[in-house]
Protein backbone atom coordinates (compact mmCIF):
# COMPACT_ATOMS: atom_id res chain seq x y z
CA MET A 1 -5.24 15.07 19.42
CA MET A 2 -5.07 13.99 15.81
CA LEU A 3 -8.13 15.24 13.91
CA ARG A 4 -10.05 13.52 11.17
CA PRO A 5 -10.16 15.36 7.82
CA PHE A 6 -13.56 16.98 8.42
CA ALA A 7 -12.20 18.77 11.47
CA ALA A 8 -9.88 20.75 9.21
CA LEU A 9 -12.91 22.88 8.41
CA MET A 10 -12.36 24.65 11.69
CA PHE A 11 -8.79 25.71 11.03
CA PHE A 12 -8.90 28.17 8.23
CA GLY A 13 -7.18 31.22 9.33
CA VAL A 14 10.70 0.16 39.50
CA ALA A 15 9.04 -1.07 42.78
CA ALA A 16 8.55 -4.50 44.36
CA CYS A 17 5.28 -6.39 43.83
CA ALA A 18 2.56 -5.00 46.07
CA SER A 19 -1.03 -5.86 46.80
CA PRO A 20 -3.62 -3.31 45.73
CA SER A 21 -4.41 -0.79 48.43
CA THR A 22 -7.81 0.66 49.20
CA THR A 23 -6.36 3.35 51.46
CA PRO A 24 -6.83 6.83 50.01
CA VAL A 25 -3.56 8.44 48.96
CA THR A 26 -2.94 12.13 49.48
CA PRO A 27 -2.11 13.76 46.13
CA PHE A 28 1.59 14.43 45.66
CA SER A 29 0.85 17.60 43.72
CA THR A 30 -1.68 20.32 44.39
CA PRO A 31 -3.91 21.47 41.52
CA GLN A 32 -1.91 24.69 41.38
CA GLU A 33 1.38 22.79 41.09
CA MET A 34 -0.04 20.68 38.28
CA HIS A 35 -1.20 23.86 36.56
CA ALA A 36 2.34 25.25 36.72
CA ALA A 37 3.68 21.97 35.36
CA VAL A 38 1.42 22.27 32.32
CA ALA A 39 2.68 25.80 31.71
CA ALA A 40 6.27 24.51 31.61
CA PHE A 41 5.54 22.68 28.34
CA ALA A 42 5.21 25.98 26.46
CA GLN A 43 8.57 25.74 24.70
CA PRO A 44 9.84 27.04 21.35
CA THR A 45 11.11 23.62 20.24
CA HIS A 46 10.22 19.93 20.44
CA ASP A 47 13.48 19.33 22.29
CA GLY A 48 12.34 21.89 24.84
CA ARG A 49 9.12 19.99 25.46
CA LEU A 50 11.10 16.77 25.89
CA ALA A 51 13.41 18.49 28.37
CA ALA A 52 10.44 19.80 30.34
CA LEU A 53 8.98 16.29 30.46
CA LYS A 54 12.24 14.77 31.69
CA ALA A 55 12.56 17.42 34.38
CA GLN A 56 9.06 16.70 35.67
CA LEU A 57 9.66 12.94 35.80
CA ASP A 58 12.91 13.55 37.67
CA ALA A 59 11.10 15.80 40.13
CA ALA A 60 8.41 13.15 40.56
CA GLY A 61 11.01 10.48 41.35
CA LEU A 62 9.92 8.36 38.38
CA PRO A 63 12.89 6.75 36.58
CA TYR A 64 12.36 6.68 32.83
CA GLU A 65 13.83 5.44 29.59
CA VAL A 66 13.84 7.31 26.29
CA GLU A 67 13.03 5.07 23.32
CA SER A 68 13.98 6.76 20.07
CA PHE A 69 12.48 5.86 16.70
CA ASP A 70 12.69 6.94 13.07
CA GLY A 71 10.34 9.88 12.96
CA GLU A 72 8.42 11.88 10.40
CA ARG A 73 9.09 15.37 11.68
CA PRO A 74 10.71 17.42 8.88
CA PRO A 75 13.55 17.34 8.16
CA PRO A 76 13.58 13.57 8.85
CA ALA A 77 14.14 13.56 12.60
CA ALA A 78 14.04 10.92 15.28
CA GLY A 79 11.11 10.83 17.66
CA HIS A 80 11.45 10.08 21.35
CA ASN A 81 8.94 8.13 23.45
CA VAL A 82 9.48 8.37 27.21
CA VAL A 83 8.65 5.27 29.27
CA VAL A 84 8.26 4.74 33.03
CA ARG A 85 7.86 1.24 34.48
CA LEU A 86 6.16 0.75 37.84
CA GLY A 87 5.07 -2.19 39.98
CA PRO A 88 6.02 -5.86 39.62
CA GLU A 89 8.34 -6.93 36.85
CA GLU A 90 6.24 -9.90 35.74
CA GLY A 91 2.66 -10.04 34.50
CA ARG A 92 0.45 -8.46 31.90
CA GLU A 93 0.78 -4.70 31.82
CA ILE A 94 -1.65 -1.84 32.17
CA LEU A 95 -0.46 1.03 30.01
CA ILE A 96 -1.30 4.65 30.77
CA THR A 97 -0.47 6.91 27.85
CA ALA A 98 -0.55 10.47 26.54
CA HIS A 99 1.29 12.35 23.81
CA TYR A 100 3.56 15.25 24.74
CA ASP A 101 4.26 16.69 21.28
CA ALA A 102 2.52 19.75 19.87
CA VAL A 103 1.72 20.96 16.37
CA VAL A 104 3.72 23.44 14.34
CA LEU A 105 1.47 26.39 13.52
CA ARG A 106 1.12 28.02 10.13
CA ASN A 107 3.54 30.75 11.19
CA GLY A 108 6.21 28.10 11.73
CA LYS A 109 6.12 28.35 15.53
CA LEU A 110 5.39 25.49 17.88
CA ALA A 111 2.02 25.67 19.61
CA ASP A 112 2.06 25.82 23.40
CA GLY A 113 -0.14 22.71 23.31
CA ALA A 114 -1.45 23.16 26.85
CA VAL A 115 -4.87 21.54 26.43
CA ASP A 116 -3.56 19.36 23.58
CA ASN A 117 -1.82 17.73 25.28
CA ALA A 118 0.40 18.88 28.14
CA ALA A 119 -2.53 18.78 30.57
CA SER A 120 -2.99 15.05 29.92
CA VAL A 121 0.74 14.41 30.36
CA VAL A 122 0.81 16.12 33.74
CA THR A 123 -2.30 14.31 35.00
CA MET A 124 -0.87 10.96 33.87
CA ILE A 125 2.41 11.69 35.67
CA GLU A 126 0.42 12.50 38.78
CA ALA A 127 -1.57 9.27 38.42
CA ALA A 128 1.66 7.30 38.04
CA ARG A 129 3.03 8.82 41.24
CA ARG A 130 -0.07 7.76 43.15
CA LEU A 131 -0.09 4.26 41.65
CA ASN A 132 3.55 3.45 42.33
CA GLY A 133 3.73 0.36 44.55
CA ARG A 134 -0.04 -0.10 44.79
CA THR A 135 -0.82 -2.53 41.96
CA LYS A 136 -0.51 -6.25 41.30
CA HIS A 137 -0.03 -5.64 37.58
CA PRO A 138 2.95 -3.89 36.07
CA ILE A 139 2.11 -0.33 35.11
CA ARG A 140 3.82 1.33 32.17
CA LEU A 141 3.48 5.08 31.67
CA ILE A 142 4.26 5.89 28.03
CA LEU A 143 4.47 9.50 26.88
CA PHE A 144 4.41 9.48 23.10
CA ASP A 145 6.07 11.75 20.60
CA GLN A 146 4.75 12.60 17.12
CA GLU A 147 1.08 11.82 17.74
CA GLU A 148 0.26 14.97 15.82
CA LEU A 149 2.06 13.59 12.76
CA GLY A 150 -0.19 10.52 12.57
CA LEU A 151 0.24 8.43 15.76
CA VAL A 152 3.86 7.83 14.76
CA GLY A 153 5.24 7.35 18.27
CA ALA A 154 2.51 4.93 19.35
CA GLU A 155 2.88 2.88 16.20
CA ALA A 156 6.67 2.76 16.68
CA TRP A 157 6.23 1.53 20.25
CA ILE A 158 3.80 -1.19 19.16
CA ALA A 159 6.14 -2.27 16.36
CA ALA A 160 8.99 -2.60 18.85
CA HIS A 161 7.12 -4.26 21.73
CA GLY A 162 3.87 -5.74 20.42
CA VAL A 163 0.69 -5.94 22.46
CA ASP A 164 0.62 -9.60 23.53
CA ASN A 165 1.53 -8.63 27.10
CA VAL A 166 -0.83 -5.65 27.25
CA ALA A 167 -3.87 -6.17 29.46
CA ALA A 168 -5.35 -2.68 28.97
CA VAL A 169 -4.45 0.78 27.69
CA ILE A 170 -5.80 4.05 29.10
CA ASN A 171 -5.01 6.97 26.80
CA ALA A 172 -5.47 10.61 27.79
CA ASP A 173 -5.95 13.43 25.29
CA VAL A 174 -7.43 16.93 25.80
CA ASN A 175 -7.87 17.09 29.57
CA GLY A 176 -7.38 20.79 30.24
CA ASN A 177 -10.81 22.07 31.25
CA GLY A 178 -14.34 21.06 32.15
CA ASP A 179 -16.02 18.68 34.55
CA THR A 180 -17.27 15.95 32.19
CA LEU A 181 -15.26 12.84 31.34
CA MET A 182 -15.61 11.86 27.68
CA TYR A 183 -14.88 8.37 26.33
CA GLY A 184 -15.41 6.47 23.11
CA LEU A 185 -17.28 3.30 22.23
CA ASN A 186 -15.43 2.68 18.98
CA ASN A 187 -12.27 0.77 19.91
CA GLY A 188 -13.43 -2.76 19.17
CA ALA A 189 -15.11 -5.57 21.05
CA GLN A 190 -11.89 -6.29 22.93
CA SER A 191 -12.33 -2.95 24.72
CA ALA A 192 -15.86 -3.54 26.04
CA PHE A 193 -14.68 -4.39 29.57
CA MET A 194 -12.86 -1.06 29.70
CA ILE A 195 -16.06 0.81 28.87
CA ASP A 196 -17.74 -1.05 31.74
CA ALA A 197 -14.91 -0.06 34.07
CA VAL A 198 -15.16 3.61 33.09
CA ARG A 199 -18.91 3.60 33.66
CA ALA A 200 -18.42 1.98 37.05
CA VAL A 201 -15.88 4.61 38.09
CA CYS A 202 -18.24 7.35 36.93
CA ALA A 203 -21.04 5.91 39.04
CA GLU A 204 -18.89 5.21 42.10
CA ARG A 205 -17.36 8.69 42.07
CA ALA A 206 -20.60 10.45 41.03
CA ILE A 207 -18.88 12.36 38.24
CA SER A 208 -20.33 13.63 34.99
CA CYS A 209 -19.45 11.30 32.09
CA LEU A 210 -20.51 11.10 28.44
CA ASP A 211 -19.94 8.30 25.94
CA PHE A 212 -19.24 8.92 22.26
CA PRO A 213 -20.25 6.40 19.58
CA GLU A 214 -17.56 8.06 17.44
CA TYR A 215 -14.65 9.53 19.38
CA PRO A 216 -11.84 11.69 17.96
CA PRO A 217 -8.74 9.69 17.08
CA SER A 218 -5.69 9.74 19.28
CA ASP A 219 -2.99 7.20 20.10
CA ASP A 220 -5.75 4.79 21.15
CA ARG A 221 -6.40 4.07 17.46
CA ALA A 222 -2.93 2.55 17.05
CA PHE A 223 -3.64 0.15 19.91
CA SER A 224 -7.15 -0.76 18.79
CA ALA A 225 -5.81 -1.49 15.29
CA ALA A 226 -3.31 -3.85 16.90
CA GLY A 227 -6.13 -5.63 18.79
CA ALA A 228 -5.34 -4.29 22.28
CA PRO A 229 -8.06 -3.28 24.77
CA VAL A 230 -7.94 0.51 24.92
CA ILE A 231 -9.96 3.56 25.82
CA SER A 232 -9.24 7.26 25.29
CA LEU A 233 -10.34 9.82 27.86
CA GLY A 234 -10.81 13.58 27.70
CA HIS A 235 -12.55 16.34 29.63
CA GLN A 236 -14.81 19.22 28.58
CA PRO A 237 -17.58 21.27 30.19
CA ARG A 238 -20.85 19.30 29.97
CA GLY A 239 -22.50 21.53 27.38
CA GLU A 240 -19.39 21.52 25.20
CA ALA A 241 -19.06 17.74 25.51
CA GLU A 242 -22.65 17.31 24.32
CA LYS A 243 -22.05 19.72 21.44
CA MET A 244 -18.94 17.81 20.43
CA ARG A 245 -20.76 14.47 20.57
CA ALA A 246 -23.50 15.79 18.27
CA PHE A 247 -20.95 17.33 15.91
CA LEU A 248 -19.03 14.08 15.55
CA LEU A 249 -22.17 12.05 14.98
CA ASN A 250 -23.16 14.36 12.12
CA PRO A 251 -19.95 15.86 10.72
CA PRO A 252 -20.44 18.73 8.26
CA THR A 253 -19.70 18.23 4.60
CA SER A 254 -19.26 21.96 4.01
CA ALA A 255 -18.45 25.03 6.08
CA PRO A 256 -20.51 24.53 9.27
CA ASP A 257 -22.67 26.98 11.19
CA PRO A 258 -20.20 28.48 13.70
CA SER A 259 -22.70 27.97 16.53
CA THR A 260 -22.47 24.20 16.06
CA ILE A 261 -18.70 23.99 16.28
CA PRO A 262 -17.40 22.74 19.65
CA ALA A 263 -15.11 25.32 21.21
CA VAL A 264 -12.29 22.83 21.68
CA LEU A 265 -12.03 22.28 17.93
CA THR A 266 -11.34 25.98 17.42
CA LEU A 267 -8.83 25.99 20.30
CA ILE A 268 -6.48 23.08 19.72
CA HIS A 269 -3.87 23.41 16.97
CA THR A 270 -4.05 27.21 17.28
CA PRO A 271 -1.99 29.90 19.06
CA ASN A 272 -4.77 30.11 21.67
CA ASP A 273 -4.03 26.69 23.18
CA THR A 274 -2.20 28.22 26.13
CA ILE A 275 -2.09 27.77 29.88
CA ALA A 276 -4.86 30.37 30.16
CA ARG A 277 -7.28 27.74 28.85
CA VAL A 278 -6.33 25.14 31.47
CA GLU A 279 -8.27 24.78 34.73
CA ALA A 280 -6.48 23.48 37.81
CA SER A 281 -9.69 21.83 39.01
CA THR A 282 -9.86 19.73 35.85
CA LEU A 283 -6.29 18.56 36.29
CA ALA A 284 -7.12 17.40 39.81
CA LEU A 285 -10.31 15.67 38.64
CA ALA A 286 -8.53 13.91 35.78
CA ALA A 287 -5.68 12.67 37.98
CA ASP A 288 -8.19 11.32 40.51
CA THR A 289 -10.25 9.59 37.82
CA PHE A 290 -7.30 8.06 35.96
CA THR A 291 -5.90 6.71 39.23
CA ALA A 292 -9.25 5.22 40.22
CA LEU A 293 -9.69 3.60 36.81
CA VAL A 294 -6.27 1.94 36.90
CA LEU A 295 -6.92 0.60 40.40
CA LYS A 296 -10.29 -0.80 39.31
CA LEU A 297 -8.78 -2.54 36.28
CA ASP A 298 -5.89 -3.80 38.38
CA ALA A 299 -8.31 -5.37 40.85
CA GLU A 300 -10.57 -6.90 38.20
CA LEU A 301 -8.08 -8.19 35.63
CA PRO A 302 -6.60 -11.67 36.18
């Protein structure tokens, strides 16, 4: 997750065309297996995280392409987006996205980045496995690099491909713990139908959901700036989600009262963002919800 400036206050110290199916699909991965997959992203280097991602896609049977771009990681280094294409070859695409990079900590070491954002990557891979062959629209899973450096990977992908053929984008960021799905209302009028779809999935599945008039920026902002319909999704415990919503609506202008700071903002981008903070039950919930949302959009979009 890329944080707005005020948040710095907390950091001092390919298948054939298929008709949509309504038959429930047994998960390919158990919650415990997804939890172990998140742990595998704790690597000492960015190349290690990329290797872990490739290994998981290979294990999932999802062929991928690596799209390299001129990056901003010092020293000037290429970034690498990883792309999986599913479903029919023709038609407007539904993109499911998450960033797999992590921040470099003040001590020079790479954060484990379990909550931010390996958990989202694993749940999106799981959703892609369940969706394969079940949609009328092409599905493209894009796992972005260099989100933490300013949405660099997402902007590079948009510059290379454009968004004219993009029907919808579902972005996942910070999905490691909690039972409440969080989503933003601030991605432009073109995204209104996606908000409706999220609310419908929440109602149909009887899950706890909370909207945010102002939602933290992630790769969704690159797509909304380009005019694409997009929504970003995260999970937190209900009380923490409500605290975060209030905090973002009234951001502090000076050092805040510690009791008002959402726990997640003191977790991400720190050495504490480890597998110990990830709940297997949240991974299962997120994979279920992301799959259901794609299927709803696939059924409703022309």
